[in-house]
Amino acid sequence: MAAKQTEPVTFISLRKLSQGVPEPQQKETKTFTVEDAVETIGFGRFHIALFLIMGSTGVVEAMEIMLIAVVSPVIRCEWQLENWQVALVTTMVFFGYMVASILFGLLADRYGRRKILLISFLWGAYFSLLTSFSPSYIWFVFLRTMVGCGVSGHSQGLIIKTEFLPTKYRGYMLPLSQVFWLAGSLLIIGLASVVIPTIGWRWLIRIASIPGIILILAFKFIPESARFNVSTGNTEVALATLEGIAKMNRSAMPEGRLVEPILDKRGRFADLLDAKYLRTTLQIWVIWLGISFAYYGVILASAELLERDLVCGSKAESQSPVVVTEGDSAESHSPCHCHLFAPSDYRTMIISTLGEIALNPLNILGINFLGRRLSLSITMGCTALFFLLLNICTSSAGLIGFLFMLRALVAANFNTIYIYTAEVYPTTMRALGMGTSGSLCRIGAMVAPFISQVLMSASFLGALCLFSSVCVVCAVSAFTLPIETKGRALQQIK
C-alpha cells in the first residue's frame, strides 16, 4: 500500500519535467554574433568585389607616395633645390600623414570606417590636383602635405576588408592586396617615363589623380562594416548588411537573432595603453616605425642611387641628361645637382619595384604556417642583411638584384604588420590602433629622406648601417610580441 501511494508523486514529477523543457521556445531564442555570421556565410562573390574595390585604394596610395620619388629630380632642376629641400618635400608629406592618421582613426571608430575613407579620398584628390598648379617650391610642399593628410585615411579600406573576411581567408587575401600597391607603383613610374619628358611633371600629377576620383564612385557598392554597426547599436543595419552579403554569396545566415553588446566606449586612446595591450602597442609602434623607415628608405635610396651615381660600378659614366636652368652657367651646378632620369633609370625602378610581389607566395605561406610574429622577424632580419650587401661594389645588374630583393623584403614586412595590427585589436579600437600605428610609422618615413637623400651622399656605408640596425631592432621586437593572431577570431571587445 505504501508503494502505491508514492505513484502520484512519480506522476507529478514527470509532469514537471515535461513542462520544464519547452524545446520549441529554446529554438526561437537562439542567437548569433557578427563573427558567427561572417564565418557561416563564408567567402564568395561579395568578398571578391570587396577585395577589388578596397584593394584599389592601394593603387591610389602608391601613386601618391611614389610620385615624389619620380618628380624629385625635376623639381630639383626647376627650383634649383638643395638636397635637404628635396628631402623636406617627402618629410612634409609624411608629417601630414602622421597628424591626420590619428584623427582619422579616432573618427573611424566613432563615426564609421566608410565615411572616413570617402572623406580621405575626396581630400586627397582635391589637394593632389591643386599641387599641379603650384607656383613655387613653398606651395608645392604645403599642398603635398595636405595630400599626405588625405592619404592617411586610406587604411580604413584595409580595416573594412579585415572585418568582413572569414578568419581562414585573412592570411591569404590581405597579403594579396600588395598586388594593388605594386600596380600603383608601376603605373606612376610608367606614366612618369612618358609624361615628364613630353608634357611635364604637372600633367603627371593631374593624370595620377584620376584613379582616386574614379574609385570614389565605386565606394557606394561597399557597405559600412557590420562589426562597427553592431558596436554602435545599429543591429538592424548590420543584419541587413549581412543578409545582403549572404544573398550575394548564395549562402545562408546562421539561425536565430543577431545579438551584440552596444559599446559606448569606442576609439579611446587610453585603451591602447591598457595593461592588456600596453606591451603589444609599444612593440607594434617600434616595428611600424622601423618598417616605414626601411621601406621609404629603399624607395628614395633607389632614386638617389640612379640619379647621383653613389654606388661604385653602378654606372661607368652618367648617361642621364644634365639640365642647366636659364641664367645659370654649367659651372654653377655640379653634375649631380640636376640629373633627370634616363629611360634606363625608369627601367631599373620598374624592375626593382616588381620585387614587391616576388616574395608574396612565401610571405603568405610564412604568415599562415609560421605565424605572424616569426614570419615578420625572419623577413626583418633578411632586410637588415640586404641593406649591408648594398654596399658591395657591383655592376648595374647586381645593383638591380639587391634593390629587387630589398623591395621584396620590405613589402613582405609591411604585409605582415598590417595584418597583425588589424587582427590584434578589438573592434572598439581597431581603427584607432591602425591609425596610431600608421601615424607613428610616419616618423620613420619622415626621417628616411634625410638618410637616403642627405646622409647617403656624405657617408654611404653609414646610412646603410643605420638602416640595417633599425631592421635588427624590429626583428627582435617582432619575435617577442606577446600575442600571436594566427587563426584567431577578430575580437569585438577588449
Protein backbone atom coordinates (compact mmCIF):
# COMPACT_ATOMS: atom_id res chain seq x y z
CA MET A 1 0.00 0.00 0.00
CA ALA A 2 2.83 2.36 0.82
CA ALA A 3 4.40 1.77 -2.58
CA LYS A 4 1.13 2.53 -4.38
CA GLN A 5 0.78 5.84 -2.56
CA THR A 6 4.07 7.03 -3.97
CA GLU A 7 2.88 6.62 -7.60
CA PRO A 8 1.14 10.04 -7.78
CA VAL A 9 4.41 11.65 -6.71
CA THR A 10 6.20 9.98 -9.61
CA PHE A 11 3.49 11.13 -11.97
CA ILE A 12 3.73 14.73 -10.75
CA SER A 13 7.50 14.64 -11.07
CA LEU A 14 7.30 13.56 -14.72
CA ARG A 15 4.72 16.21 -15.38
CA LYS A 16 7.01 18.91 -14.01
CA LEU A 17 9.90 17.72 -16.17
CA SER A 18 7.77 17.82 -19.31
CA GLN A 19 6.71 21.37 -18.55
CA GLY A 20 10.29 22.46 -17.79
CA VAL A 21 11.67 21.51 -21.24
CA PRO A 22 9.95 23.78 -23.79
CA GLU A 23 12.10 22.79 -26.76
CA PRO A 24 10.29 24.95 -29.34
CA GLN A 25 10.85 28.07 -27.19
CA GLN A 26 14.59 27.39 -26.93
CA LYS A 27 14.94 27.31 -30.72
CA GLU A 28 13.19 30.67 -31.02
CA THR A 29 15.63 32.36 -28.63
CA LYS A 30 18.79 31.15 -30.38
CA THR A 31 21.26 33.98 -31.06
CA PHE A 32 24.40 34.60 -33.09
CA THR A 33 27.12 37.26 -33.35
CA VAL A 34 28.64 39.05 -36.35
CA GLU A 35 31.65 36.74 -36.10
CA ASP A 36 29.32 33.72 -36.34
CA ALA A 37 27.58 35.24 -39.35
CA VAL A 38 30.83 36.08 -41.16
CA GLU A 39 32.15 32.55 -40.65
CA THR A 40 28.83 30.90 -41.64
CA ILE A 41 28.39 33.00 -44.81
CA GLY A 42 31.95 32.20 -45.85
CA PHE A 43 33.92 33.53 -48.80
CA GLY A 44 32.15 34.41 -52.04
CA ARG A 45 31.34 36.97 -54.71
CA PHE A 46 30.93 39.82 -52.23
CA HIS A 47 34.45 39.31 -50.92
CA ILE A 48 35.88 39.32 -54.45
CA ALA A 49 34.19 42.68 -55.11
CA LEU A 50 35.37 43.91 -51.70
CA PHE A 51 38.93 42.79 -52.49
CA LEU A 52 38.95 44.59 -55.86
CA ILE A 53 37.40 47.87 -54.69
CA MET A 54 39.04 48.23 -51.27
CA GLY A 55 42.29 46.81 -52.61
CA SER A 56 42.35 49.52 -55.26
CA THR A 57 42.84 52.08 -52.51
CA GLY A 58 46.41 50.76 -52.51
CA VAL A 59 46.80 51.78 -56.17
CA VAL A 60 45.90 55.37 -55.34
CA GLU A 61 48.06 55.49 -52.22
CA ALA A 62 51.07 54.03 -54.03
CA MET A 63 50.75 56.53 -56.88
CA GLU A 64 50.61 59.50 -54.50
CA ILE A 65 53.55 58.29 -52.38
CA MET A 66 55.76 57.13 -55.28
CA LEU A 67 55.04 60.35 -57.13
CA ILE A 68 57.63 62.17 -55.02
CA ALA A 69 60.38 59.72 -55.98
CA VAL A 70 59.88 60.25 -59.73
CA VAL A 71 59.24 64.01 -59.53
CA SER A 72 62.16 64.87 -57.20
CA PRO A 73 64.82 65.20 -59.96
CA VAL A 74 62.54 67.51 -61.96
CA ILE A 75 61.63 69.90 -59.16
CA ARG A 76 65.30 69.92 -58.10
CA CYS A 77 66.10 71.32 -61.52
CA GLU A 78 63.12 73.66 -61.86
CA TRP A 79 63.55 75.35 -58.49
CA GLN A 80 67.31 74.72 -58.06
CA LEU A 81 66.86 72.87 -54.77
CA GLU A 82 69.47 71.66 -52.35
CA ASN A 83 69.45 68.07 -51.06
CA TRP A 84 67.71 68.98 -47.81
CA GLN A 85 64.98 70.85 -49.68
CA VAL A 86 64.23 67.81 -51.84
CA ALA A 87 64.15 65.63 -48.72
CA LEU A 88 61.84 68.11 -46.97
CA VAL A 89 59.10 67.51 -49.56
CA THR A 90 58.85 63.82 -48.66
CA THR A 91 59.17 64.56 -44.96
CA MET A 92 56.27 67.01 -45.01
CA VAL A 93 54.08 64.55 -46.92
CA PHE A 94 54.56 62.06 -44.11
CA PHE A 95 54.14 64.76 -41.48
CA GLY A 96 50.67 65.40 -42.86
CA TYR A 97 50.08 61.66 -42.90
CA MET A 98 51.18 61.36 -39.27
CA VAL A 99 48.96 64.17 -37.98
CA ALA A 100 45.82 63.12 -39.85
CA SER A 101 46.22 59.38 -39.29
CA ILE A 102 45.41 59.57 -35.56
CA LEU A 103 42.48 61.90 -36.21
CA PHE A 104 41.02 59.67 -38.92
CA GLY A 105 41.48 56.61 -36.68
CA LEU A 106 39.55 58.25 -33.83
CA LEU A 107 36.76 59.38 -36.16
CA ALA A 108 36.53 55.98 -37.87
CA ASP A 109 35.96 54.16 -34.56
CA ARG A 110 33.28 56.67 -33.61
CA TYR A 111 31.51 57.51 -36.89
CA GLY A 112 32.33 54.65 -39.27
CA ARG A 113 35.12 53.36 -41.49
CA ARG A 114 33.35 54.02 -44.79
CA LYS A 115 32.61 57.71 -44.10
CA ILE A 116 36.24 58.42 -43.19
CA LEU A 117 37.50 56.52 -46.24
CA LEU A 118 35.29 58.62 -48.52
CA ILE A 119 36.38 61.90 -46.88
CA SER A 120 40.05 60.97 -47.14
CA PHE A 121 39.75 60.22 -50.88
CA LEU A 122 37.92 63.48 -51.60
CA TRP A 123 40.53 65.40 -49.61
CA GLY A 124 43.47 63.67 -51.29
CA ALA A 125 42.13 64.08 -54.84
CA TYR A 126 41.35 67.77 -54.32
CA PHE A 127 44.79 68.74 -52.99
CA SER A 128 46.59 66.50 -55.46
CA LEU A 129 45.01 68.40 -58.34
CA LEU A 130 45.92 71.71 -56.70
CA THR A 131 49.55 70.58 -56.43
CA SER A 132 49.85 70.55 -60.20
CA PHE A 133 49.30 74.33 -60.17
CA SER A 134 51.98 75.07 -57.54
CA PRO A 135 53.62 78.42 -58.41
CA SER A 136 56.61 77.87 -56.13
CA TYR A 137 58.50 75.35 -54.01
CA ILE A 138 56.77 76.52 -50.79
CA TRP A 139 53.32 75.99 -52.30
CA PHE A 140 54.38 72.58 -53.59
CA VAL A 141 55.49 71.48 -50.10
CA PHE A 142 52.30 72.78 -48.47
CA LEU A 143 49.94 71.14 -50.96
CA ARG A 144 51.76 67.81 -50.87
CA THR A 145 51.46 67.93 -47.07
CA MET A 146 47.70 68.24 -47.50
CA VAL A 147 47.77 65.25 -49.86
CA GLY A 148 49.59 63.30 -47.14
CA CYS A 149 46.73 64.11 -44.75
CA GLY A 150 44.23 62.64 -47.19
CA VAL A 151 46.23 59.51 -47.97
CA SER A 152 46.39 58.66 -44.24
CA GLY A 153 42.70 57.71 -44.26
CA HIS A 154 43.12 55.08 -46.98
CA SER A 155 43.99 52.43 -44.37
CA GLN A 156 40.29 52.26 -43.48
CA GLY A 157 39.88 50.22 -46.66
CA LEU A 158 42.10 47.52 -45.15
CA ILE A 159 40.07 47.56 -41.92
CA ILE A 160 36.80 47.12 -43.82
CA LYS A 161 38.29 44.15 -45.68
CA THR A 162 39.59 42.64 -42.44
CA GLU A 163 36.24 42.95 -40.66
CA PHE A 164 34.31 41.24 -43.46
CA LEU A 165 36.73 38.38 -44.22
CA PRO A 166 36.35 34.95 -42.54
CA THR A 167 39.25 34.01 -40.27
CA LYS A 168 40.90 31.41 -42.50
CA TYR A 169 40.94 33.73 -45.53
CA ARG A 170 42.54 36.77 -43.87
CA GLY A 171 46.04 35.31 -44.00
CA TYR A 172 45.71 34.74 -47.75
CA MET A 173 43.63 37.64 -49.07
CA LEU A 174 45.22 40.52 -47.16
CA PRO A 175 48.79 39.83 -48.38
CA LEU A 176 47.45 39.65 -51.94
CA SER A 177 46.46 43.30 -51.56
CA GLN A 178 50.15 44.03 -52.18
CA VAL A 179 49.36 43.47 -55.86
CA PHE A 180 47.44 46.76 -55.87
CA TRP A 181 50.30 48.71 -54.31
CA LEU A 182 52.61 47.16 -56.88
CA ALA A 183 50.23 48.14 -59.69
CA GLY A 184 50.11 51.73 -58.45
CA SER A 185 53.90 51.94 -58.18
CA LEU A 186 54.44 50.54 -61.66
CA LEU A 187 51.73 52.77 -63.11
CA ILE A 188 53.24 56.00 -61.76
CA ILE A 189 56.76 55.03 -62.87
CA GLY A 190 55.49 54.09 -66.34
CA LEU A 191 53.48 57.31 -66.63
CA ALA A 192 56.47 59.36 -65.46
CA SER A 193 58.72 57.87 -68.13
CA VAL A 194 56.28 59.03 -70.81
CA VAL A 195 54.66 62.17 -69.38
CA ILE A 196 57.59 64.02 -67.74
CA PRO A 197 59.80 64.19 -70.87
CA THR A 198 56.86 65.24 -73.06
CA ILE A 199 54.27 67.40 -71.27
CA GLY A 200 55.90 67.82 -67.84
CA TRP A 201 55.52 66.84 -64.20
CA ARG A 202 52.42 68.96 -63.63
CA TRP A 203 50.42 66.88 -66.09
CA LEU A 204 51.76 63.74 -64.42
CA ILE A 205 50.18 64.84 -61.13
CA ARG A 206 46.87 65.61 -62.85
CA ILE A 207 46.76 62.24 -64.56
CA ALA A 208 47.76 60.47 -61.32
CA SER A 209 44.72 61.93 -59.51
CA ILE A 210 42.22 60.31 -61.93
CA PRO A 211 42.18 56.77 -60.36
CA GLY A 212 41.28 58.24 -56.95
CA ILE A 213 38.35 60.16 -58.41
CA ILE A 214 37.06 57.06 -60.21
CA LEU A 215 37.39 54.92 -57.08
CA ILE A 216 35.21 57.32 -55.07
CA LEU A 217 32.30 56.36 -57.32
CA ALA A 218 32.87 52.65 -56.59
CA PHE A 219 32.59 53.05 -52.80
CA LYS A 220 28.78 53.06 -52.99
CA PHE A 221 28.89 49.30 -53.68
CA ILE A 222 30.63 48.56 -50.36
CA PRO A 223 28.59 48.80 -47.12
CA GLU A 224 29.72 50.02 -43.73
CA SER A 225 31.38 47.41 -41.54
CA ALA A 226 28.78 45.22 -39.82
CA ARG A 227 31.09 44.91 -36.81
CA PHE A 228 31.14 48.69 -36.44
CA ASN A 229 27.35 48.96 -36.79
CA VAL A 230 26.61 46.43 -34.05
CA SER A 231 29.12 48.13 -31.75
CA THR A 232 27.10 51.37 -32.11
CA GLY A 233 23.71 49.68 -31.62
CA ASN A 234 22.68 49.68 -35.30
CA THR A 235 21.88 45.98 -35.19
CA GLU A 236 19.18 46.17 -37.85
CA VAL A 237 21.55 47.84 -40.33
CA ALA A 238 24.26 45.29 -39.54
CA LEU A 239 21.77 42.44 -40.03
CA ALA A 240 20.62 43.85 -43.36
CA THR A 241 24.27 44.13 -44.46
CA LEU A 242 24.99 40.52 -43.50
CA GLU A 243 21.82 39.27 -45.21
CA GLY A 244 22.80 41.15 -48.36
CA ILE A 245 26.26 39.54 -48.29
CA ALA A 246 24.72 36.09 -47.78
CA LYS A 247 22.38 36.65 -50.71
CA MET A 248 25.21 37.85 -52.97
CA ASN A 249 27.35 34.85 -51.93
CA ARG A 250 24.35 32.50 -52.32
CA SER A 251 24.94 31.35 -48.79
CA ALA A 252 22.84 31.00 -45.64
CA MET A 253 22.70 33.09 -42.48
CA PRO A 254 23.01 31.47 -39.04
CA GLU A 255 19.73 30.65 -37.28
CA GLY A 256 18.44 32.93 -34.55
CA ARG A 257 18.72 36.59 -33.70
CA LEU A 258 21.77 38.87 -34.09
CA VAL A 259 22.88 39.93 -30.63
CA GLU A 260 25.95 42.01 -29.76
CA PRO A 261 26.60 44.32 -26.82
CA ILE A 262 26.44 48.06 -27.52
CA LEU A 263 29.89 49.51 -26.93
CA ASP A 264 29.75 53.14 -25.83
CA LYS A 265 33.48 53.44 -25.15
CA ARG A 266 34.94 53.37 -28.63
CA GLY A 267 38.05 54.93 -30.11
CA ARG A 268 39.71 55.83 -26.79
CA PHE A 269 43.46 56.36 -26.89
CA ALA A 270 43.75 55.19 -23.27
CA ASP A 271 42.58 51.70 -24.32
CA LEU A 272 45.70 51.25 -26.45
CA LEU A 273 47.81 51.71 -23.31
CA ASP A 274 45.63 49.50 -21.14
CA ALA A 275 47.56 46.83 -19.22
CA LYS A 276 46.29 44.11 -21.58
CA TYR A 277 47.63 45.81 -24.71
CA LEU A 278 50.41 48.10 -23.42
CA ARG A 279 53.37 45.90 -24.34
CA THR A 280 51.82 44.89 -27.65
CA THR A 281 51.09 48.51 -28.57
CA LEU A 282 54.59 49.76 -27.75
CA GLN A 283 56.28 46.95 -29.70
CA ILE A 284 53.92 47.43 -32.67
CA TRP A 285 54.81 51.12 -32.74
CA VAL A 286 58.53 50.31 -32.80
CA ILE A 287 58.01 47.81 -35.63
CA TRP A 288 55.84 50.17 -37.68
CA LEU A 289 58.37 52.97 -37.30
CA GLY A 290 61.26 50.74 -38.36
CA ILE A 291 59.44 49.14 -41.29
CA SER A 292 58.38 52.51 -42.67
CA PHE A 293 61.91 53.87 -42.20
CA ALA A 294 63.33 50.93 -44.17
CA TYR A 295 60.60 50.85 -46.84
CA TYR A 296 60.72 54.50 -47.84
CA GLY A 297 64.47 54.48 -47.33
CA VAL A 298 64.76 51.82 -50.05
CA ILE A 299 62.42 53.68 -52.42
CA LEU A 300 64.21 57.02 -52.05
CA ALA A 301 67.65 55.42 -51.99
CA SER A 302 66.84 53.72 -55.30
CA ALA A 303 66.08 57.10 -56.86
CA GLU A 304 69.23 58.62 -55.36
CA LEU A 305 71.45 55.75 -56.48
CA LEU A 306 70.20 56.18 -60.02
CA GLU A 307 70.21 59.97 -60.04
CA ARG A 308 73.54 60.59 -58.29
CA ASP A 309 75.74 57.52 -59.08
CA LEU A 310 76.54 56.77 -55.44
CA VAL A 311 77.40 53.07 -55.82
CA CYS A 312 80.75 52.22 -57.34
CA GLY A 313 80.38 50.32 -60.57
CA SER A 314 76.69 51.00 -60.93
CA LYS A 315 77.47 53.17 -63.99
CA ALA A 316 80.80 53.81 -65.53
CA GLU A 317 79.59 57.09 -66.90
CA SER A 318 76.46 59.02 -66.20
CA GLN A 319 74.01 58.79 -69.07
CA SER A 320 71.33 60.93 -67.51
CA PRO A 321 70.75 64.32 -69.09
CA VAL A 322 72.19 67.27 -67.17
CA VAL A 323 69.87 70.25 -67.15
CA VAL A 324 71.18 73.77 -66.73
CA THR A 325 68.46 76.29 -65.93
CA GLU A 326 68.25 79.57 -67.77
CA GLY A 327 70.62 82.22 -66.50
CA ASP A 328 72.98 79.74 -64.87
CA SER A 329 76.30 78.59 -66.16
CA ALA A 330 77.26 74.96 -66.36
CA GLU A 331 79.91 75.57 -63.71
CA SER A 332 77.32 76.73 -61.17
CA HIS A 333 75.86 73.24 -60.99
CA SER A 334 77.57 70.03 -60.17
CA PRO A 335 76.60 67.12 -62.48
CA CYS A 336 74.66 65.61 -59.57
CA HIS A 337 72.69 68.77 -58.94
CA CYS A 338 70.34 68.47 -61.87
CA HIS A 339 70.13 64.96 -63.29
CA LEU A 340 66.89 63.83 -64.89
CA PHE A 341 66.12 60.13 -65.12
CA ALA A 342 67.16 58.43 -68.33
CA PRO A 343 64.97 55.64 -69.82
CA SER A 344 67.34 53.06 -68.32
CA ASP A 345 66.74 54.55 -64.87
CA TYR A 346 62.98 54.14 -65.22
CA ARG A 347 63.51 50.53 -66.30
CA THR A 348 65.65 49.89 -63.23
CA MET A 349 62.97 51.39 -60.99
CA ILE A 350 60.32 49.20 -62.60
CA ILE A 351 62.40 46.03 -62.18
CA SER A 352 63.19 46.79 -58.53
CA THR A 353 59.52 47.63 -57.88
CA LEU A 354 58.47 44.25 -59.28
CA GLY A 355 60.39 42.81 -56.35
CA GLU A 356 57.50 43.82 -54.09
CA ILE A 357 55.49 40.86 -55.36
CA ALA A 358 58.38 38.39 -55.66
CA LEU A 359 58.20 37.07 -52.10
CA ASN A 360 54.42 37.27 -51.82
CA PRO A 361 53.83 33.48 -52.10
CA LEU A 362 56.50 32.78 -49.48
CA ASN A 363 55.15 35.59 -47.33
CA ILE A 364 51.64 34.08 -47.45
CA LEU A 365 52.98 30.64 -46.50
CA GLY A 366 55.02 32.10 -43.66
CA ILE A 367 52.11 34.12 -42.28
CA ASN A 368 49.76 31.12 -42.32
CA PHE A 369 52.10 28.35 -41.20
CA LEU A 370 54.87 30.01 -39.17
CA GLY A 371 52.61 32.68 -37.71
CA ARG A 372 52.67 36.45 -37.94
CA ARG A 373 55.42 37.01 -35.36
CA LEU A 374 58.02 34.52 -36.59
CA SER A 375 57.41 35.36 -40.25
CA LEU A 376 57.92 39.08 -39.58
CA SER A 377 61.09 38.55 -37.54
CA ILE A 378 62.63 36.45 -40.35
CA THR A 379 61.87 38.98 -43.12
CA MET A 380 63.10 41.88 -40.97
CA GLY A 381 66.36 40.07 -40.29
CA CYS A 382 66.86 39.42 -44.01
CA THR A 383 66.13 43.10 -44.74
CA ALA A 384 68.95 44.11 -42.39
CA LEU A 385 71.32 41.76 -44.22
CA PHE A 386 70.48 43.05 -47.70
CA PHE A 387 70.95 46.67 -46.65
CA LEU A 388 74.56 45.79 -45.80
CA LEU A 389 75.00 43.85 -49.06
CA LEU A 390 74.03 47.00 -50.95
CA ASN A 391 77.46 48.40 -50.05
CA ILE A 392 79.23 45.83 -52.24
CA CYS A 393 80.75 47.31 -55.38
CA THR A 394 78.77 45.72 -58.16
CA SER A 395 77.60 46.03 -61.73
CA SER A 396 74.34 47.61 -62.79
CA ALA A 397 72.74 44.14 -62.83
CA GLY A 398 74.00 43.47 -59.31
CA LEU A 399 72.58 46.75 -58.05
CA ILE A 400 69.21 45.93 -59.61
CA GLY A 401 69.31 42.50 -57.96
CA PHE A 402 69.98 43.92 -54.50
CA LEU A 403 67.26 46.57 -54.90
CA PHE A 404 64.87 43.89 -56.16
CA MET A 405 65.38 41.75 -53.04
CA LEU A 406 65.18 44.72 -50.71
CA ARG A 407 61.87 45.82 -52.21
CA ALA A 408 60.58 42.26 -51.87
CA LEU A 409 61.55 42.06 -48.21
CA VAL A 410 60.30 45.48 -47.13
CA ALA A 411 56.98 44.81 -48.89
CA ALA A 412 56.66 41.48 -47.03
CA ASN A 413 57.32 43.32 -43.75
CA PHE A 414 54.53 45.79 -44.44
CA ASN A 415 52.13 42.98 -45.42
CA THR A 416 52.64 41.15 -42.14
CA ILE A 417 52.46 44.11 -39.78
CA TYR A 418 49.29 45.41 -41.48
CA ILE A 419 47.60 42.04 -40.93
CA TYR A 420 48.85 41.67 -37.37
CA THR A 421 47.73 45.16 -36.31
CA ALA A 422 44.27 44.74 -37.80
CA GLU A 423 43.85 41.39 -36.04
CA VAL A 424 45.31 42.04 -32.61
CA TYR A 425 43.00 44.90 -31.57
CA PRO A 426 39.23 44.55 -30.89
CA THR A 427 36.56 46.36 -32.93
CA THR A 428 36.22 49.18 -30.37
CA MET A 429 39.80 50.31 -31.02
CA ARG A 430 40.85 48.63 -34.29
CA ALA A 431 40.74 51.77 -36.46
CA LEU A 432 42.46 53.81 -33.75
CA GLY A 433 45.12 51.12 -33.31
CA MET A 434 45.76 51.13 -37.03
CA GLY A 435 45.65 54.93 -37.16
CA THR A 436 48.13 55.49 -34.33
CA SER A 437 50.46 52.82 -35.71
CA GLY A 438 50.27 54.40 -39.14
CA SER A 439 50.91 57.79 -37.57
CA LEU A 440 53.94 56.67 -35.55
CA CYS A 441 55.40 54.88 -38.55
CA ARG A 442 55.43 58.17 -40.46
CA ILE A 443 58.14 59.36 -38.11
CA GLY A 444 60.33 56.74 -39.74
CA ALA A 445 59.12 57.86 -43.15
CA MET A 446 59.90 61.50 -42.27
CA VAL A 447 63.46 60.65 -41.22
CA ALA A 448 64.13 58.33 -44.19
CA PRO A 449 64.52 61.12 -46.81
CA PHE A 450 67.31 62.79 -44.83
CA ILE A 451 69.16 59.47 -44.56
CA SER A 452 68.60 58.44 -48.20
CA GLN A 453 68.95 61.87 -49.78
CA VAL A 454 71.37 63.68 -47.44
CA LEU A 455 73.41 61.33 -45.21
CA MET A 456 73.88 58.81 -48.02
CA SER A 457 75.73 61.44 -50.03
CA ALA A 458 78.13 62.07 -47.12
CA SER A 459 78.57 58.51 -45.87
CA PHE A 460 77.07 55.71 -47.95
CA LEU A 461 78.13 52.94 -45.53
CA GLY A 462 76.95 54.93 -42.51
CA ALA A 463 73.48 55.30 -43.99
CA LEU A 464 73.26 51.59 -44.83
CA CYS A 465 74.42 50.58 -41.32
CA LEU A 466 71.74 52.80 -39.79
CA PHE A 467 69.01 51.21 -41.91
CA SER A 468 70.32 47.73 -41.05
CA SER A 469 70.48 48.41 -37.30
CA VAL A 470 66.89 49.61 -37.19
CA CYS A 471 65.76 46.44 -39.00
CA VAL A 472 67.55 44.26 -36.43
CA VAL A 473 65.73 46.03 -33.59
CA CYS A 474 62.41 45.46 -35.37
CA ALA A 475 63.21 41.76 -35.91
CA VAL A 476 63.79 41.28 -32.17
CA SER A 477 60.65 43.23 -31.31
CA ALA A 478 58.55 41.13 -33.72
CA PHE A 479 59.88 37.86 -32.33
CA THR A 480 58.97 38.87 -28.75
CA LEU A 481 55.42 40.15 -29.43
CA PRO A 482 53.17 38.77 -26.64
CA ILE A 483 50.15 37.84 -28.80
CA GLU A 484 50.02 35.58 -31.88
CA THR A 485 46.93 36.22 -34.04
CA LYS A 486 47.24 33.30 -36.49
CA GLY A 487 43.89 31.51 -36.66
CA ARG A 488 42.34 33.76 -34.00
CA ALA A 489 38.87 35.27 -34.47
CA LEU A 490 38.61 39.05 -34.50
CA GLN A 491 37.84 40.36 -31.02
CA GLN A 492 34.74 42.52 -30.56
CA ILE A 493 35.60 43.87 -27.10
CA LYS A 494 38.87 44.04 -25.20
